[in-house]
Protein backbone atom coordinates (compact mmCIF):
# COMPACT_ATOMS: atom_id res chain seq x y z
CA MET A 1 11.44 -86.90 116.46
CA PRO A 2 9.23 -83.88 116.29
CA LEU A 3 9.68 -81.06 118.65
CA THR A 4 6.53 -81.60 120.85
CA ARG A 5 6.28 -79.11 123.70
CA ASN A 6 7.04 -80.95 126.95
CA VAL A 7 8.63 -78.29 129.12
CA GLY A 8 6.32 -76.37 131.38
CA LYS A 9 6.19 -72.68 132.47
CA TRP A 10 8.24 -73.16 135.67
CA ASP A 11 10.65 -75.54 134.17
CA ARG A 12 11.17 -73.24 131.34
CA ILE A 13 11.84 -70.15 133.41
CA ALA A 14 14.37 -72.24 135.53
CA ARG A 15 16.20 -73.46 132.37
CA ALA A 16 16.40 -69.82 130.99
CA VAL A 17 17.80 -68.63 134.29
CA LEU A 18 20.31 -71.42 134.57
CA GLY A 19 21.24 -71.19 130.95
CA VAL A 20 22.03 -67.37 131.27
CA ALA A 21 23.90 -68.19 134.43
CA LEU A 22 25.98 -70.80 132.91
CA LEU A 23 26.89 -68.67 130.02
CA ALA A 24 27.98 -65.84 132.29
CA LEU A 25 30.22 -68.23 134.42
CA ALA A 26 31.52 -69.70 131.21
CA GLY A 27 32.49 -66.56 129.87
CA GLY A 28 34.27 -65.63 133.10
CA GLY A 29 36.04 -68.96 133.09
CA MET A 30 37.19 -68.39 129.44
CA LEU A 31 38.65 -64.90 130.47
CA LEU A 32 40.40 -66.45 133.47
CA GLY A 33 41.87 -69.22 131.18
CA TYR A 34 39.66 -72.17 131.92
CA SER A 35 38.88 -72.89 128.42
CA GLY A 36 38.05 -76.34 128.60
CA LEU A 37 35.45 -75.67 131.37
CA GLY A 38 34.39 -72.57 129.74
CA ILE A 39 33.32 -74.53 126.49
CA VAL A 40 31.44 -77.23 128.46
CA GLY A 41 29.58 -74.20 130.35
CA ILE A 42 28.77 -72.55 126.88
CA VAL A 43 27.41 -75.80 125.45
CA ALA A 44 25.31 -76.56 128.41
CA GLY A 45 24.11 -73.10 128.91
CA ALA A 46 23.14 -72.87 125.23
CA ALA A 47 21.34 -76.28 125.34
CA LEU A 48 19.33 -74.98 128.39
CA LEU A 49 18.36 -71.86 126.61
CA PHE A 50 17.36 -73.79 123.40
CA ASN A 51 15.26 -75.94 125.72
CA ALA A 52 13.62 -72.82 127.27
CA ALA A 53 12.94 -71.22 123.74
CA THR A 54 11.50 -74.15 122.05
CA GLN A 55 9.68 -75.74 125.21
CA PHE A 56 11.28 -79.09 124.07
CA CYS A 57 13.66 -81.27 125.96
CA GLY A 58 14.98 -84.41 124.05
CA LEU A 59 15.77 -86.18 127.39
CA TYR A 60 12.19 -85.48 128.64
CA ALA A 61 10.78 -86.96 125.25
CA LEU A 62 13.09 -90.17 125.65
CA LEU A 63 11.97 -90.79 129.21
CA GLY A 64 8.27 -89.86 128.68
CA VAL A 65 8.40 -86.84 131.02
CA ASP A 66 6.04 -83.93 130.25
CA THR A 67 5.78 -80.82 132.63
CA CYS A 68 3.69 -78.77 130.11
CA SER A 69 0.19 -78.43 131.40
CA ARG A 70 -2.40 -78.98 128.51
CA LYS A 71 -5.84 -77.72 129.55
CA SER A 72 -8.70 -79.71 127.81
CA HIS A 73 -11.53 -77.82 126.32
């Protein structure tokens, strides 16, 4: 499956913000002893940041969702 862009601008911004927030919360959870929850948060935050960086979401691709606006010339 090629990494065809399917994540739009606002979707990308939301994923980046949520990804950073999840990583911060997961780090705090790890420091407080919630290692299992922290690991889940780190994985989820990293996945959201990957989606934001590549503008590709595998779940969107499977469901046929595309929030990326493409202007025809």
